[in-house]
Amino acid sequence: MMPLTMAATGETVTIRRITGKDEVRQRLAELGFVVDSPVTVVSKLAGNLILQVRDSRVALDKTMANRIQI
């Protein structure tokens, strides 16, 4: 496993684990980041990511993206 920040632009990956406090994991789940769901990296800028999750695009900072393991 590796953090989501290591995925290449344009790559579709599957979430394997989400780390952090319960509040953080709950917030990510509300945004659509759940285990075994696919996520596509749309773009990267200074470590921050724009991701395609289900039918929406979500921006995550580097700290939050590092909590998502692929």
N, C-alpha and C. Protein backbone atom coordinates (compact mmCIF):
# COMPACT_ATOMS: atom_id res chain seq x y z
N MET A 1 0.84 -1.19 0.00
CA MET A 1 0.00 0.00 0.00
C MET A 1 0.88 1.25 0.00
N MET A 2 0.33 2.30 -0.59
CA MET A 2 1.02 3.59 -0.62
C MET A 2 -0.02 4.70 -0.54
N PRO A 3 0.41 5.91 -0.16
CA PRO A 3 -0.56 7.01 -0.06
C PRO A 3 -1.06 7.45 -1.43
N LEU A 4 -2.24 8.02 -1.46
CA LEU A 4 -2.85 8.48 -2.71
C LEU A 4 -1.99 9.51 -3.42
N THR A 5 -1.18 10.26 -2.67
CA THR A 5 -0.33 11.28 -3.29
C THR A 5 0.71 10.67 -4.23
N MET A 6 0.97 9.38 -4.13
CA MET A 6 1.95 8.71 -4.99
C MET A 6 1.37 8.30 -6.34
N ALA A 7 0.06 8.37 -6.51
CA ALA A 7 -0.57 7.98 -7.78
C ALA A 7 -0.25 9.02 -8.85
N ALA A 8 -0.12 8.56 -10.07
CA ALA A 8 0.19 9.45 -11.19
C ALA A 8 -1.07 10.13 -11.72
N THR A 9 -0.89 11.28 -12.34
CA THR A 9 -2.02 11.99 -12.95
C THR A 9 -2.63 11.12 -14.04
N GLY A 10 -3.95 11.02 -14.03
CA GLY A 10 -4.66 10.20 -15.01
C GLY A 10 -4.85 8.76 -14.59
N GLU A 11 -4.22 8.36 -13.52
CA GLU A 11 -4.30 6.98 -13.05
C GLU A 11 -5.56 6.76 -12.21
N THR A 12 -6.21 5.62 -12.42
CA THR A 12 -7.36 5.23 -11.61
C THR A 12 -6.89 4.16 -10.63
N VAL A 13 -7.14 4.41 -9.35
CA VAL A 13 -6.68 3.51 -8.30
C VAL A 13 -7.87 3.12 -7.42
N THR A 14 -7.67 2.10 -6.59
CA THR A 14 -8.71 1.64 -5.67
C THR A 14 -8.25 1.92 -4.24
N ILE A 15 -9.14 2.48 -3.44
CA ILE A 15 -8.83 2.79 -2.05
C ILE A 15 -8.78 1.48 -1.25
N ARG A 16 -7.70 1.29 -0.51
CA ARG A 16 -7.53 0.08 0.30
C ARG A 16 -7.75 0.34 1.79
N ARG A 17 -7.41 1.55 2.26
CA ARG A 17 -7.54 1.87 3.68
C ARG A 17 -7.55 3.37 3.87
N ILE A 18 -8.25 3.83 4.88
CA ILE A 18 -8.26 5.25 5.23
C ILE A 18 -7.85 5.36 6.69
N THR A 19 -6.82 6.15 6.96
CA THR A 19 -6.30 6.30 8.31
C THR A 19 -6.74 7.65 8.89
N GLY A 20 -6.52 7.81 10.18
CA GLY A 20 -6.84 9.08 10.83
C GLY A 20 -7.93 8.91 11.87
N LYS A 21 -8.29 10.02 12.48
CA LYS A 21 -9.32 10.01 13.51
C LYS A 21 -10.68 9.71 12.89
N ASP A 22 -11.62 9.32 13.74
CA ASP A 22 -12.97 8.98 13.26
C ASP A 22 -13.62 10.13 12.51
N GLU A 23 -13.41 11.36 12.98
CA GLU A 23 -14.02 12.53 12.33
C GLU A 23 -13.48 12.70 10.91
N VAL A 24 -12.18 12.48 10.75
CA VAL A 24 -11.54 12.62 9.44
C VAL A 24 -12.04 11.54 8.50
N ARG A 25 -12.10 10.31 8.98
CA ARG A 25 -12.57 9.20 8.14
C ARG A 25 -14.03 9.41 7.75
N GLN A 26 -14.84 9.92 8.68
CA GLN A 26 -16.25 10.19 8.39
C GLN A 26 -16.39 11.26 7.32
N ARG A 27 -15.61 12.32 7.42
CA ARG A 27 -15.66 13.41 6.44
C ARG A 27 -15.26 12.91 5.05
N LEU A 28 -14.21 12.10 4.98
CA LEU A 28 -13.80 11.55 3.69
C LEU A 28 -14.87 10.62 3.13
N ALA A 29 -15.53 9.86 3.98
CA ALA A 29 -16.61 8.98 3.52
C ALA A 29 -17.77 9.80 2.96
N GLU A 30 -18.07 10.94 3.59
CA GLU A 30 -19.13 11.81 3.08
C GLU A 30 -18.80 12.37 1.71
N LEU A 31 -17.51 12.54 1.44
CA LEU A 31 -17.07 13.04 0.13
C LEU A 31 -17.02 11.92 -0.92
N GLY A 32 -17.18 10.66 -0.49
CA GLY A 32 -17.19 9.55 -1.43
C GLY A 32 -15.96 8.66 -1.36
N PHE A 33 -15.05 8.96 -0.45
CA PHE A 33 -13.84 8.16 -0.31
C PHE A 33 -14.09 7.01 0.66
N VAL A 34 -14.46 5.85 0.11
CA VAL A 34 -14.71 4.66 0.90
C VAL A 34 -13.85 3.53 0.38
N VAL A 35 -13.56 2.56 1.24
CA VAL A 35 -12.72 1.42 0.88
C VAL A 35 -13.32 0.66 -0.30
N ASP A 36 -12.45 0.25 -1.21
CA ASP A 36 -12.78 -0.50 -2.44
C ASP A 36 -13.47 0.33 -3.51
N SER A 37 -13.49 1.66 -3.36
CA SER A 37 -14.06 2.49 -4.43
C SER A 37 -12.94 3.02 -5.32
N PRO A 38 -13.20 3.17 -6.63
CA PRO A 38 -12.19 3.71 -7.53
C PRO A 38 -12.10 5.23 -7.45
N VAL A 39 -10.88 5.73 -7.62
CA VAL A 39 -10.61 7.17 -7.60
C VAL A 39 -9.64 7.46 -8.74
N THR A 40 -9.92 8.50 -9.52
CA THR A 40 -9.03 8.90 -10.61
C THR A 40 -8.38 10.22 -10.26
N VAL A 41 -7.05 10.29 -10.43
CA VAL A 41 -6.32 11.52 -10.19
C VAL A 41 -6.44 12.39 -11.43
N VAL A 42 -7.13 13.52 -11.30
CA VAL A 42 -7.33 14.43 -12.43
C VAL A 42 -6.11 15.33 -12.61
N SER A 43 -5.64 15.93 -11.52
CA SER A 43 -4.44 16.76 -11.60
C SER A 43 -3.78 16.89 -10.24
N LYS A 44 -2.50 17.29 -10.29
CA LYS A 44 -1.70 17.52 -9.08
C LYS A 44 -1.06 18.89 -9.20
N LEU A 45 -1.04 19.61 -8.08
CA LEU A 45 -0.38 20.90 -8.06
C LEU A 45 0.20 21.12 -6.66
N ALA A 46 1.50 21.13 -6.55
CA ALA A 46 2.20 21.33 -5.28
C ALA A 46 1.76 20.32 -4.22
N GLY A 47 1.51 19.09 -4.62
CA GLY A 47 1.11 18.05 -3.68
C GLY A 47 -0.38 17.96 -3.44
N ASN A 48 -1.13 18.99 -3.82
CA ASN A 48 -2.58 18.96 -3.69
C ASN A 48 -3.17 18.25 -4.90
N LEU A 49 -4.31 17.58 -4.68
CA LEU A 49 -4.88 16.74 -5.74
C LEU A 49 -6.31 17.14 -6.07
N ILE A 50 -6.64 17.01 -7.35
CA ILE A 50 -8.04 17.07 -7.78
C ILE A 50 -8.38 15.66 -8.23
N LEU A 51 -9.43 15.10 -7.63
CA LEU A 51 -9.76 13.70 -7.83
C LEU A 51 -11.18 13.54 -8.36
N GLN A 52 -11.36 12.54 -9.20
CA GLN A 52 -12.69 12.17 -9.69
C GLN A 52 -13.18 11.02 -8.82
N VAL A 53 -14.24 11.27 -8.06
CA VAL A 53 -14.82 10.26 -7.18
C VAL A 53 -16.29 10.14 -7.56
N ARG A 54 -16.69 8.96 -7.98
CA ARG A 54 -18.04 8.74 -8.48
C ARG A 54 -18.34 9.75 -9.59
N ASP A 55 -19.35 10.60 -9.41
CA ASP A 55 -19.70 11.56 -10.47
C ASP A 55 -19.28 12.98 -10.14
N SER A 56 -18.34 13.15 -9.23
CA SER A 56 -17.94 14.51 -8.87
C SER A 56 -16.42 14.62 -8.75
N ARG A 57 -15.96 15.86 -8.79
CA ARG A 57 -14.54 16.13 -8.60
C ARG A 57 -14.33 16.77 -7.24
N VAL A 58 -13.31 16.30 -6.55
CA VAL A 58 -13.03 16.77 -5.20
C VAL A 58 -11.56 17.17 -5.12
N ALA A 59 -11.29 18.30 -4.47
CA ALA A 59 -9.91 18.74 -4.23
C ALA A 59 -9.52 18.36 -2.81
N LEU A 60 -8.35 17.75 -2.67
CA LEU A 60 -7.83 17.40 -1.34
C LEU A 60 -6.42 17.96 -1.20
N ASP A 61 -6.12 18.44 0.00
CA ASP A 61 -4.75 18.88 0.24
C ASP A 61 -3.87 17.66 0.50
N LYS A 62 -2.57 17.90 0.51
CA LYS A 62 -1.60 16.82 0.64
C LYS A 62 -1.80 16.03 1.93
N THR A 63 -2.11 16.72 3.03
CA THR A 63 -2.28 16.05 4.33
C THR A 63 -3.43 15.06 4.29
N MET A 64 -4.56 15.48 3.75
CA MET A 64 -5.73 14.59 3.67
C MET A 64 -5.48 13.45 2.68
N ALA A 65 -4.85 13.74 1.56
CA ALA A 65 -4.58 12.71 0.55
C ALA A 65 -3.63 11.64 1.09
N ASN A 66 -2.72 12.02 1.98
CA ASN A 66 -1.79 11.05 2.57
C ASN A 66 -2.49 10.08 3.50
N ARG A 67 -3.69 10.39 3.97
CA ARG A 67 -4.45 9.50 4.85
C ARG A 67 -5.13 8.38 4.08
N ILE A 68 -5.25 8.55 2.76
CA ILE A 68 -5.90 7.55 1.92
C ILE A 68 -4.84 6.63 1.33
N GLN A 69 -4.93 5.34 1.65
CA GLN A 69 -3.97 4.36 1.17
C GLN A 69 -4.55 3.62 -0.03
N ILE A 70 -3.70 3.43 -1.05
CA ILE A 70 -4.14 2.72 -2.26
C ILE A 70 -3.29 1.47 -2.45
